[in-house]
N, C-alpha and C. Protein backbone atom coordinates (compact mmCIF):
# COMPACT_ATOMS: atom_id res chain seq x y z
N ASP A 1 -13.01 -3.81 168.23
CA ASP A 1 -13.94 -4.45 167.30
C ASP A 1 -15.09 -3.53 166.93
N GLY A 2 -15.10 -2.32 167.41
CA GLY A 2 -16.15 -1.37 167.05
C GLY A 2 -17.44 -1.54 167.83
N SER A 3 -17.48 -2.45 168.80
CA SER A 3 -18.72 -2.67 169.53
C SER A 3 -19.02 -1.55 170.53
N PHE A 4 -18.01 -0.81 170.94
CA PHE A 4 -18.21 0.31 171.84
C PHE A 4 -18.39 1.57 171.00
N ARG A 5 -19.52 2.23 171.13
CA ARG A 5 -19.85 3.44 170.36
C ARG A 5 -20.00 3.13 168.87
N LYS A 6 -20.39 1.91 168.53
CA LYS A 6 -20.70 1.44 167.18
C LYS A 6 -19.48 1.31 166.27
N ASN A 7 -18.66 2.36 166.16
CA ASN A 7 -17.50 2.35 165.26
C ASN A 7 -16.34 3.09 165.92
N TYR A 8 -15.14 2.75 165.48
CA TYR A 8 -14.00 3.58 165.87
C TYR A 8 -14.10 4.88 165.10
N PRO A 9 -13.88 6.02 165.75
CA PRO A 9 -13.99 7.28 165.01
C PRO A 9 -12.84 7.43 164.02
N GLY A 10 -13.15 8.03 162.91
CA GLY A 10 -12.13 8.32 161.90
C GLY A 10 -12.11 9.81 161.61
N ASN A 11 -11.19 10.21 160.79
CA ASN A 11 -11.07 11.62 160.42
C ASN A 11 -12.37 12.07 159.73
N GLY A 12 -13.01 13.09 160.25
CA GLY A 12 -14.25 13.59 159.68
C GLY A 12 -15.51 12.95 160.26
N TRP A 13 -15.34 11.91 161.07
CA TRP A 13 -16.49 11.25 161.70
C TRP A 13 -17.01 12.13 162.83
N PHE A 14 -18.22 11.87 163.28
CA PHE A 14 -18.78 12.64 164.38
C PHE A 14 -19.57 11.74 165.31
N TYR A 15 -19.73 12.22 166.52
CA TYR A 15 -20.46 11.46 167.53
C TYR A 15 -21.93 11.84 167.48
N ARG A 16 -22.81 10.83 167.36
CA ARG A 16 -24.25 11.05 167.39
C ARG A 16 -24.76 10.61 168.75
N GLU A 17 -25.11 11.60 169.57
CA GLU A 17 -25.57 11.29 170.92
C GLU A 17 -26.83 10.44 170.90
N ASP A 18 -27.74 10.70 169.94
CA ASP A 18 -28.98 9.93 169.88
C ASP A 18 -28.74 8.45 169.57
N LEU A 19 -27.62 8.15 168.91
CA LEU A 19 -27.26 6.75 168.61
C LEU A 19 -26.22 6.20 169.56
N ASP A 20 -25.62 7.09 170.36
CA ASP A 20 -24.51 6.74 171.24
C ASP A 20 -23.41 6.06 170.44
N GLY A 21 -23.07 6.68 169.30
CA GLY A 21 -22.04 6.09 168.47
C GLY A 21 -21.44 7.07 167.49
N PHE A 22 -20.29 6.66 166.93
CA PHE A 22 -19.60 7.46 165.93
C PHE A 22 -20.10 7.08 164.54
N VAL A 23 -20.30 8.09 163.70
CA VAL A 23 -20.84 7.90 162.36
C VAL A 23 -19.98 8.67 161.36
N ALA A 24 -19.70 8.04 160.24
CA ALA A 24 -18.95 8.70 159.17
C ALA A 24 -19.87 9.67 158.45
N PRO A 25 -19.31 10.62 157.72
CA PRO A 25 -20.15 11.48 156.89
C PRO A 25 -20.91 10.63 155.86
N GLN A 26 -22.11 11.06 155.53
CA GLN A 26 -22.93 10.33 154.56
C GLN A 26 -22.24 10.39 153.19
N PRO A 27 -21.92 9.22 152.59
CA PRO A 27 -21.17 9.23 151.33
C PRO A 27 -21.96 9.76 150.14
N TYR A 28 -23.26 9.50 150.10
CA TYR A 28 -24.12 9.96 149.02
C TYR A 28 -25.48 10.30 149.61
N PRO A 29 -26.19 11.27 149.06
CA PRO A 29 -27.50 11.64 149.61
C PRO A 29 -28.51 10.50 149.64
N SER A 30 -28.41 9.56 148.72
CA SER A 30 -29.39 8.47 148.67
C SER A 30 -29.10 7.34 149.66
N TRP A 31 -27.91 7.31 150.22
CA TRP A 31 -27.54 6.22 151.12
C TRP A 31 -28.23 6.39 152.47
N VAL A 32 -28.55 5.28 153.09
CA VAL A 32 -29.36 5.25 154.30
C VAL A 32 -28.51 4.79 155.49
N LEU A 33 -28.71 5.47 156.60
CA LEU A 33 -27.99 5.12 157.82
C LEU A 33 -28.69 3.99 158.54
N ASP A 34 -27.95 2.92 158.83
CA ASP A 34 -28.45 1.85 159.69
C ASP A 34 -28.11 2.26 161.11
N GLU A 35 -29.10 2.67 161.86
CA GLU A 35 -28.86 3.22 163.20
C GLU A 35 -28.33 2.18 164.17
N SER A 36 -28.53 0.90 163.91
CA SER A 36 -28.02 -0.12 164.82
C SER A 36 -26.52 -0.32 164.67
N THR A 37 -25.97 -0.02 163.48
CA THR A 37 -24.53 -0.19 163.26
C THR A 37 -23.79 1.14 163.11
N GLY A 38 -24.54 2.22 162.83
CA GLY A 38 -23.90 3.51 162.60
C GLY A 38 -23.19 3.58 161.26
N ARG A 39 -23.61 2.76 160.30
CA ARG A 39 -23.00 2.74 158.97
C ARG A 39 -24.04 3.04 157.90
N TYR A 40 -23.56 3.68 156.83
CA TYR A 40 -24.42 3.99 155.70
C TYR A 40 -24.38 2.86 154.68
N TYR A 41 -25.52 2.62 154.05
CA TYR A 41 -25.63 1.58 153.03
C TYR A 41 -26.36 2.13 151.82
N ALA A 42 -25.96 1.64 150.65
CA ALA A 42 -26.63 2.02 149.42
C ALA A 42 -28.05 1.48 149.42
N PRO A 43 -28.97 2.17 148.76
CA PRO A 43 -30.34 1.68 148.72
C PRO A 43 -30.50 0.43 147.84
N VAL A 44 -29.43 0.08 147.11
CA VAL A 44 -29.42 -1.10 146.25
C VAL A 44 -28.20 -1.93 146.64
N ASP A 45 -28.37 -3.22 146.84
CA ASP A 45 -27.25 -4.07 147.22
C ASP A 45 -26.16 -4.10 146.15
N TYR A 46 -24.92 -4.18 146.61
CA TYR A 46 -23.77 -4.29 145.71
C TYR A 46 -23.86 -5.63 144.99
N PRO A 47 -23.67 -5.65 143.66
CA PRO A 47 -23.75 -6.91 142.92
C PRO A 47 -22.71 -7.93 143.41
N ASN A 48 -23.10 -9.17 143.44
CA ASN A 48 -22.23 -10.24 143.93
C ASN A 48 -21.83 -11.15 142.78
N ASP A 49 -21.19 -10.57 141.75
CA ASP A 49 -20.82 -11.36 140.59
C ASP A 49 -19.32 -11.34 140.31
N GLY A 50 -18.54 -10.82 141.28
CA GLY A 50 -17.09 -10.81 141.14
C GLY A 50 -16.54 -9.64 140.35
N LYS A 51 -17.39 -8.80 139.80
CA LYS A 51 -16.95 -7.63 139.05
C LYS A 51 -16.82 -6.44 140.00
N VAL A 52 -16.16 -5.38 139.53
CA VAL A 52 -15.96 -4.18 140.33
C VAL A 52 -16.96 -3.12 139.86
N TYR A 53 -17.62 -2.49 140.84
CA TYR A 53 -18.65 -1.49 140.53
C TYR A 53 -18.37 -0.20 141.30
N SER A 54 -18.91 0.88 140.78
CA SER A 54 -18.89 2.15 141.50
C SER A 54 -20.33 2.68 141.56
N TRP A 55 -20.58 3.49 142.54
CA TRP A 55 -21.92 4.01 142.76
C TRP A 55 -22.19 5.21 141.85
N ASN A 56 -23.35 5.23 141.21
CA ASN A 56 -23.78 6.36 140.40
C ASN A 56 -24.97 7.00 141.11
N GLU A 57 -24.75 8.15 141.69
CA GLU A 57 -25.80 8.81 142.46
C GLU A 57 -26.93 9.30 141.57
N GLU A 58 -26.63 9.68 140.33
CA GLU A 58 -27.68 10.18 139.44
C GLU A 58 -28.73 9.11 139.13
N THR A 59 -28.27 7.87 138.97
CA THR A 59 -29.20 6.78 138.65
C THR A 59 -29.50 5.92 139.86
N THR A 60 -28.88 6.25 140.99
CA THR A 60 -28.97 5.44 142.22
C THR A 60 -28.83 3.96 141.92
N SER A 61 -27.71 3.66 141.27
CA SER A 61 -27.43 2.26 140.93
C SER A 61 -25.91 2.05 140.85
N TRP A 62 -25.52 0.77 140.92
CA TRP A 62 -24.12 0.39 140.76
C TRP A 62 -23.83 0.26 139.27
N GLU A 63 -22.68 0.80 138.83
CA GLU A 63 -22.26 0.69 137.45
C GLU A 63 -20.93 -0.01 137.40
N GLU A 64 -20.81 -0.94 136.47
CA GLU A 64 -19.58 -1.70 136.35
C GLU A 64 -18.43 -0.77 136.00
N SER A 65 -17.32 -0.90 136.74
CA SER A 65 -16.13 -0.10 136.47
C SER A 65 -15.34 -0.73 135.33
N GLU A 66 -14.70 0.10 134.56
CA GLU A 66 -13.95 -0.41 133.41
C GLU A 66 -12.52 -0.68 133.79
């Protein structure tokens, strides 16, 4: 369930001794690591309107996918 060492390690993941957990590579420079879960999150919440979005790092926002 990922409760031991925060996450199951994946290909390219690394162990952070200071967090005592496995962390994936940072997906985008603007994304922030939640140290309690060992997961990165966008600085803006994903829209909850049923549409599909992709992250735009230049504008640091979600853009609707076509």
